Amino acid sequence: MARSNKPVNPGAENALDQMKMEVANELGIAERVRSQGWNTMTSADCGRVGGHMVRKMIEQYESTLR
């Protein structure tokens, strides 16, 4: 079965983009993203951003369980 890059919840795309920029800002790469775009970022930087996003989403979900 082929994977797709479509979000599970298309309505959440804007929120995910906002979170991505927040994390990039925390990591100190937001200015480079704004000036050069995501296409020029290294896979290590993108992986760092994605990893932090996943951690934040897990923390948010766990806080709703309490």
PDB file of N, CA and C in Angstrom:
ATOM      1  N   MET A   1       0.846  -1.176   0.000  1.00  0.00           N
ATOM      2  CA  MET A   1       0.000   0.000   0.000  1.00  0.00           C
ATOM      3  C   MET A   1       0.889   1.236   0.000  1.00  0.00           C
ATOM      4  N   ALA A   2       0.641   2.135  -0.899  1.00  0.00           N
ATOM      5  CA  ALA A   2       1.447   3.350  -1.011  1.00  0.00           C
ATOM      6  C   ALA A   2       1.077   4.343   0.081  1.00  0.00           C
ATOM      7  N   ARG A   3       2.091   5.031   0.566  1.00  0.00           N
ATOM      8  CA  ARG A   3       1.858   6.068   1.569  1.00  0.00           C
ATOM      9  C   ARG A   3       1.578   7.381   0.859  1.00  0.00           C
ATOM     10  N   SER A   4       0.798   8.203   1.507  1.00  0.00           N
ATOM     11  CA  SER A   4       0.557   9.528   0.940  1.00  0.00           C
ATOM     12  C   SER A   4       0.990  10.577   1.952  1.00  0.00           C
ATOM     13  N   ASN A   5       1.274  11.756   1.477  1.00  0.00           N
ATOM     14  CA  ASN A   5       1.680  12.846   2.351  1.00  0.00           C
ATOM     15  C   ASN A   5       0.495  13.709   2.752  1.00  0.00           C
ATOM     16  N   LYS A   6      -0.709  13.205   2.549  1.00  0.00           N
ATOM     17  CA  LYS A   6      -1.896  13.952   2.932  1.00  0.00           C
ATOM     18  C   LYS A   6      -2.052  13.892   4.449  1.00  0.00           C
ATOM     19  N   PRO A   7      -2.382  15.027   5.077  1.00  0.00           N
ATOM     20  CA  PRO A   7      -2.591  15.000   6.524  1.00  0.00           C
ATOM     21  C   PRO A   7      -3.832  14.186   6.879  1.00  0.00           C
ATOM     22  N   VAL A   8      -3.814  13.562   8.035  1.00  0.00           N
ATOM     23  CA  VAL A   8      -4.957  12.780   8.491  1.00  0.00           C
ATOM     24  C   VAL A   8      -6.166  13.699   8.645  1.00  0.00           C
ATOM     25  N   ASN A   9      -5.923  14.886   9.191  1.00  0.00           N
ATOM     26  CA  ASN A   9      -6.972  15.877   9.369  1.00  0.00           C
ATOM     27  C   ASN A   9      -6.584  17.123   8.574  1.00  0.00           C
ATOM     28  N   PRO A  10      -7.124  17.290   7.366  1.00  0.00           N
ATOM     29  CA  PRO A  10      -6.718  18.431   6.533  1.00  0.00           C
ATOM     30  C   PRO A  10      -6.952  19.784   7.200  1.00  0.00           C
ATOM     31  N   GLY A  11      -7.907  19.873   8.104  1.00  0.00           N
ATOM     32  CA  GLY A  11      -8.176  21.124   8.804  1.00  0.00           C
ATOM     33  C   GLY A  11      -7.074  21.512   9.765  1.00  0.00           C
ATOM     34  N   ALA A  12      -6.209  20.576  10.107  1.00  0.00           N
ATOM     35  CA  ALA A  12      -5.139  20.839  11.069  1.00  0.00           C
ATOM     36  C   ALA A  12      -3.863  21.330  10.400  1.00  0.00           C
ATOM     37  N   GLU A  13      -3.869  21.453   9.092  1.00  0.00           N
ATOM     38  CA  GLU A  13      -2.647  21.813   8.371  1.00  0.00           C
ATOM     39  C   GLU A  13      -2.104  23.179   8.805  1.00  0.00           C
ATOM     40  N   ASN A  14      -2.991  24.160   8.976  1.00  0.00           N
ATOM     41  CA  ASN A  14      -2.534  25.488   9.404  1.00  0.00           C
ATOM     42  C   ASN A  14      -1.948  25.446  10.803  1.00  0.00           C
ATOM     43  N   ALA A  15      -2.584  24.693  11.695  1.00  0.00           N
ATOM     44  CA  ALA A  15      -2.077  24.580  13.065  1.00  0.00           C
ATOM     45  C   ALA A  15      -0.716  23.896  13.078  1.00  0.00           C
ATOM     46  N   LEU A  16      -0.528  22.895  12.236  1.00  0.00           N
ATOM     47  CA  LEU A  16       0.759  22.207  12.165  1.00  0.00           C
ATOM     48  C   LEU A  16       1.845  23.116  11.606  1.00  0.00           C
ATOM     49  N   ASP A  17       1.487  23.926  10.608  1.00  0.00           N
ATOM     50  CA  ASP A  17       2.460  24.881  10.064  1.00  0.00           C
ATOM     51  C   ASP A  17       2.857  25.909  11.112  1.00  0.00           C
ATOM     52  N   GLN A  18       1.870  26.345  11.901  1.00  0.00           N
ATOM     53  CA  GLN A  18       2.162  27.305  12.967  1.00  0.00           C
ATOM     54  C   GLN A  18       3.078  26.673  14.015  1.00  0.00           C
ATOM     55  N   MET A  19       2.789  25.423  14.390  1.00  0.00           N
ATOM     56  CA  MET A  19       3.628  24.728  15.361  1.00  0.00           C
ATOM     57  C   MET A  19       5.035  24.534  14.804  1.00  0.00           C
ATOM     58  N   LYS A  20       5.132  24.235  13.518  1.00  0.00           N
ATOM     59  CA  LYS A  20       6.435  24.037  12.885  1.00  0.00           C
ATOM     60  C   LYS A  20       7.281  25.308  12.997  1.00  0.00           C
ATOM     61  N   MET A  21       6.662  26.461  12.760  1.00  0.00           N
ATOM     62  CA  MET A  21       7.398  27.723  12.861  1.00  0.00           C
ATOM     63  C   MET A  21       7.752  28.049  14.313  1.00  0.00           C
ATOM     64  N   GLU A  22       6.869  27.709  15.259  1.00  0.00           N
ATOM     65  CA  GLU A  22       7.178  27.918  16.675  1.00  0.00           C
ATOM     66  C   GLU A  22       8.403  27.104  17.081  1.00  0.00           C
ATOM     67  N   VAL A  23       8.435  25.854  16.659  1.00  0.00           N
ATOM     68  CA  VAL A  23       9.564  24.985  16.984  1.00  0.00           C
ATOM     69  C   VAL A  23      10.829  25.487  16.296  1.00  0.00           C
ATOM     70  N   ALA A  24      10.717  25.910  15.052  1.00  0.00           N
ATOM     71  CA  ALA A  24      11.882  26.454  14.343  1.00  0.00           C
ATOM     72  C   ALA A  24      12.414  27.681  15.071  1.00  0.00           C
ATOM     73  N   ASN A  25      11.515  28.494  15.604  1.00  0.00           N
ATOM     74  CA  ASN A  25      11.922  29.665  16.374  1.00  0.00           C
ATOM     75  C   ASN A  25      12.651  29.244  17.646  1.00  0.00           C
ATOM     76  N   GLU A  26      12.136  28.233  18.336  1.00  0.00           N
ATOM     77  CA  GLU A  26      12.776  27.728  19.555  1.00  0.00           C
ATOM     78  C   GLU A  26      14.175  27.186  19.257  1.00  0.00           C
ATOM     79  N   LEU A  27      14.339  26.584  18.086  1.00  0.00           N
ATOM     80  CA  LEU A  27      15.629  26.002  17.710  1.00  0.00           C
ATOM     81  C   LEU A  27      16.578  27.025  17.088  1.00  0.00           C
ATOM     82  N   GLY A  28      16.087  28.240  16.869  1.00  0.00           N
ATOM     83  CA  GLY A  28      16.935  29.295  16.327  1.00  0.00           C
ATOM     84  C   GLY A  28      17.136  29.250  14.824  1.00  0.00           C
ATOM     85  N   ILE A  29      16.236  28.580  14.105  1.00  0.00           N
ATOM     86  CA  ILE A  29      16.391  28.497  12.652  1.00  0.00           C
ATOM     87  C   ILE A  29      15.238  29.173  11.912  1.00  0.00           C
ATOM     88  N   ALA A  30      14.354  29.836  12.636  1.00  0.00           N
ATOM     89  CA  ALA A  30      13.163  30.430  12.016  1.00  0.00           C
ATOM     90  C   ALA A  30      13.522  31.514  11.006  1.00  0.00           C
ATOM     91  N   GLU A  31      14.497  32.336  11.320  1.00  0.00           N
ATOM     92  CA  GLU A  31      14.865  33.415  10.399  1.00  0.00           C
ATOM     93  C   GLU A  31      15.392  32.850   9.082  1.00  0.00           C
ATOM     94  N   ARG A  32      16.175  31.796   9.167  1.00  0.00           N
ATOM     95  CA  ARG A  32      16.698  31.159   7.950  1.00  0.00           C
ATOM     96  C   ARG A  32      15.560  30.535   7.141  1.00  0.00           C
ATOM     97  N   VAL A  33      14.565  29.969   7.843  1.00  0.00           N
ATOM     98  CA  VAL A  33      13.412  29.391   7.154  1.00  0.00           C
ATOM     99  C   VAL A  33      12.633  30.492   6.442  1.00  0.00           C
ATOM    100  N   ARG A  34      12.427  31.616   7.132  1.00  0.00           N
ATOM    101  CA  ARG A  34      11.679  32.719   6.520  1.00  0.00           C
ATOM    102  C   ARG A  34      12.397  33.280   5.292  1.00  0.00           C
ATOM    103  N   SER A  35      13.705  33.393   5.366  1.00  0.00           N
ATOM    104  CA  SER A  35      14.437  34.011   4.260  1.00  0.00           C
ATOM    105  C   SER A  35      14.719  33.040   3.112  1.00  0.00           C
ATOM    106  N   GLN A  36      14.960  31.768   3.426  1.00  0.00           N
ATOM    107  CA  GLN A  36      15.359  30.813   2.392  1.00  0.00           C
ATOM    108  C   GLN A  36      14.309  29.750   2.099  1.00  0.00           C
ATOM    109  N   GLY A  37      13.386  29.523   3.011  1.00  0.00           N
ATOM    110  CA  GLY A  37      12.350  28.517   2.820  1.00  0.00           C
ATOM    111  C   GLY A  37      12.765  27.147   3.339  1.00  0.00           C
ATOM    112  N   TRP A  38      11.790  26.267   3.464  1.00  0.00           N
ATOM    113  CA  TRP A  38      12.043  24.923   3.986  1.00  0.00           C
ATOM    114  C   TRP A  38      12.844  24.078   3.001  1.00  0.00           C
ATOM    115  N   ASN A  39      12.767  24.376   1.731  1.00  0.00           N
ATOM    116  CA  ASN A  39      13.470  23.564   0.720  1.00  0.00           C
ATOM    117  C   ASN A  39      14.975  23.594   0.882  1.00  0.00           C
ATOM    118  N   THR A  40      15.506  24.647   1.493  1.00  0.00           N
ATOM    119  CA  THR A  40      16.955  24.767   1.634  1.00  0.00           C
ATOM    120  C   THR A  40      17.465  24.222   2.959  1.00  0.00           C
ATOM    121  N   MET A  41      16.570  23.785   3.832  1.00  0.00           N
ATOM    122  CA  MET A  41      16.980  23.296   5.147  1.00  0.00           C
ATOM    123  C   MET A  41      17.573  21.891   5.019  1.00  0.00           C
ATOM    124  N   THR A  42      18.510  21.589   5.894  1.00  0.00           N
ATOM    125  CA  THR A  42      19.104  20.254   5.876  1.00  0.00           C
ATOM    126  C   THR A  42      18.113  19.247   6.445  1.00  0.00           C
ATOM    127  N   SER A  43      18.306  17.993   6.111  1.00  0.00           N
ATOM    128  CA  SER A  43      17.421  16.967   6.648  1.00  0.00           C
ATOM    129  C   SER A  43      17.582  16.857   8.158  1.00  0.00           C
ATOM    130  N   ALA A  44      18.761  17.169   8.670  1.00  0.00           N
ATOM    131  CA  ALA A  44      18.969  17.151  10.124  1.00  0.00           C
ATOM    132  C   ALA A  44      18.117  18.220  10.799  1.00  0.00           C
ATOM    133  N   ASP A  45      18.087  19.427  10.225  1.00  0.00           N
ATOM    134  CA  ASP A  45      17.257  20.495  10.788  1.00  0.00           C
ATOM    135  C   ASP A  45      15.777  20.141  10.710  1.00  0.00           C
ATOM    136  N   CYS A  46      15.351  19.621   9.578  1.00  0.00           N
ATOM    137  CA  CYS A  46      13.949  19.230   9.423  1.00  0.00           C
ATOM    138  C   CYS A  46      13.589  18.110  10.396  1.00  0.00           C
ATOM    139  N   GLY A  47      14.495  17.173  10.584  1.00  0.00           N
ATOM    140  CA  GLY A  47      14.263  16.090  11.535  1.00  0.00           C
ATOM    141  C   GLY A  47      14.170  16.590  12.956  1.00  0.00           C
ATOM    142  N   ARG A  48      15.008  17.561  13.295  1.00  0.00           N
ATOM    143  CA  ARG A  48      14.959  18.165  14.621  1.00  0.00           C
ATOM    144  C   ARG A  48      13.610  18.831  14.864  1.00  0.00           C
ATOM    145  N   VAL A  49      13.151  19.585  13.867  1.00  0.00           N
ATOM    146  CA  VAL A  49      11.861  20.269  13.986  1.00  0.00           C
ATOM    147  C   VAL A  49      10.742  19.240  14.131  1.00  0.00           C
ATOM    148  N   GLY A  50      10.752  18.216  13.282  1.00  0.00           N
ATOM    149  CA  GLY A  50       9.722  17.182  13.352  1.00  0.00           C
ATOM    150  C   GLY A  50       9.724  16.438  14.673  1.00  0.00           C
ATOM    151  N   GLY A  51      10.903  16.142  15.186  1.00  0.00           N
ATOM    152  CA  GLY A  51      11.004  15.448  16.471  1.00  0.00           C
ATOM    153  C   GLY A  51      10.439  16.268  17.611  1.00  0.00           C
ATOM    154  N   HIS A  52      10.747  17.569  17.616  1.00  0.00           N
ATOM    155  CA  HIS A  52      10.213  18.449  18.659  1.00  0.00           C
ATOM    156  C   HIS A  52       8.695  18.586  18.528  1.00  0.00           C
ATOM    157  N   MET A  53       8.207  18.625  17.289  1.00  0.00           N
ATOM    158  CA  MET A  53       6.762  18.721  17.081  1.00  0.00           C
ATOM    159  C   MET A  53       6.054  17.493  17.641  1.00  0.00           C
ATOM    160  N   VAL A  54       6.605  16.321  17.387  1.00  0.00           N
ATOM    161  CA  VAL A  54       5.995  15.087  17.885  1.00  0.00           C
ATOM    162  C   VAL A  54       5.988  15.079  19.409  1.00  0.00           C
ATOM    163  N   ARG A  55       7.100  15.488  20.021  1.00  0.00           N
ATOM    164  CA  ARG A  55       7.148  15.541  21.486  1.00  0.00           C
ATOM    165  C   ARG A  55       6.089  16.484  22.039  1.00  0.00           C
ATOM    166  N   LYS A  56       5.938  17.651  21.402  1.00  0.00           N
ATOM    167  CA  LYS A  56       4.933  18.618  21.860  1.00  0.00           C
ATOM    168  C   LYS A  56       3.522  18.054  21.717  1.00  0.00           C
ATOM    169  N   MET A  57       3.251  17.380  20.597  1.00  0.00           N
ATOM    170  CA  MET A  57       1.919  16.814  20.393  1.00  0.00           C
ATOM    171  C   MET A  57       1.624  15.720  21.410  1.00  0.00           C
ATOM    172  N   ILE A  58       2.620  14.908  21.733  1.00  0.00           N
ATOM    173  CA  ILE A  58       2.433  13.865  22.741  1.00  0.00           C
ATOM    174  C   ILE A  58       2.175  14.491  24.100  1.00  0.00           C
ATOM    175  N   GLU A  59       2.937  15.533  24.455  1.00  0.00           N
ATOM    176  CA  GLU A  59       2.727  16.219  25.730  1.00  0.00           C
ATOM    177  C   GLU A  59       1.323  16.812  25.803  1.00  0.00           C
ATOM    178  N   GLN A  60       0.874  17.436  24.716  1.00  0.00           N
ATOM    179  CA  GLN A  60      -0.464  18.022  24.699  1.00  0.00           C
ATOM    180  C   GLN A  60      -1.528  16.948  24.865  1.00  0.00           C
ATOM    181  N   TYR A  61      -1.366  15.830  24.190  1.00  0.00           N
ATOM    182  CA  TYR A  61      -2.339  14.745  24.301  1.00  0.00           C
ATOM    183  C   TYR A  61      -2.356  14.172  25.710  1.00  0.00           C
ATOM    184  N   GLU A  62      -1.171  13.944  26.281  1.00  0.00           N
ATOM    185  CA  GLU A  62      -1.106  13.382  27.627  1.00  0.00           C
ATOM    186  C   GLU A  62      -1.718  14.325  28.655  1.00  0.00           C
ATOM    187  N   SER A  63      -1.585  15.634  28.445  1.00  0.00           N
ATOM    188  CA  SER A  63      -2.168  16.579  29.398  1.00  0.00           C
ATOM    189  C   SER A  63      -3.694  16.559  29.334  1.00  0.00           C
ATOM    190  N   THR A  64      -4.269  16.176  28.186  1.00  0.00           N
ATOM    191  CA  THR A  64      -5.728  16.078  28.103  1.00  0.00           C
ATOM    192  C   THR A  64      -6.242  14.825  28.805  1.00  0.00           C
ATOM    193  N   LEU A  65      -5.383  13.838  29.002  1.00  0.00           N
ATOM    194  CA  LEU A  65      -5.797  12.599  29.661  1.00  0.00           C
ATOM    195  C   LEU A  65      -5.881  12.741  31.174  1.00  0.00           C
ATOM    196  N   ARG A  66      -5.241  13.765  31.694  1.00  0.00           N
ATOM    197  CA  ARG A  66      -5.209  13.928  33.152  1.00  0.00           C
ATOM    198  C   ARG A  66      -6.411  14.639  33.672  1.00  0.00           C
TER     199      ARG A  66
END
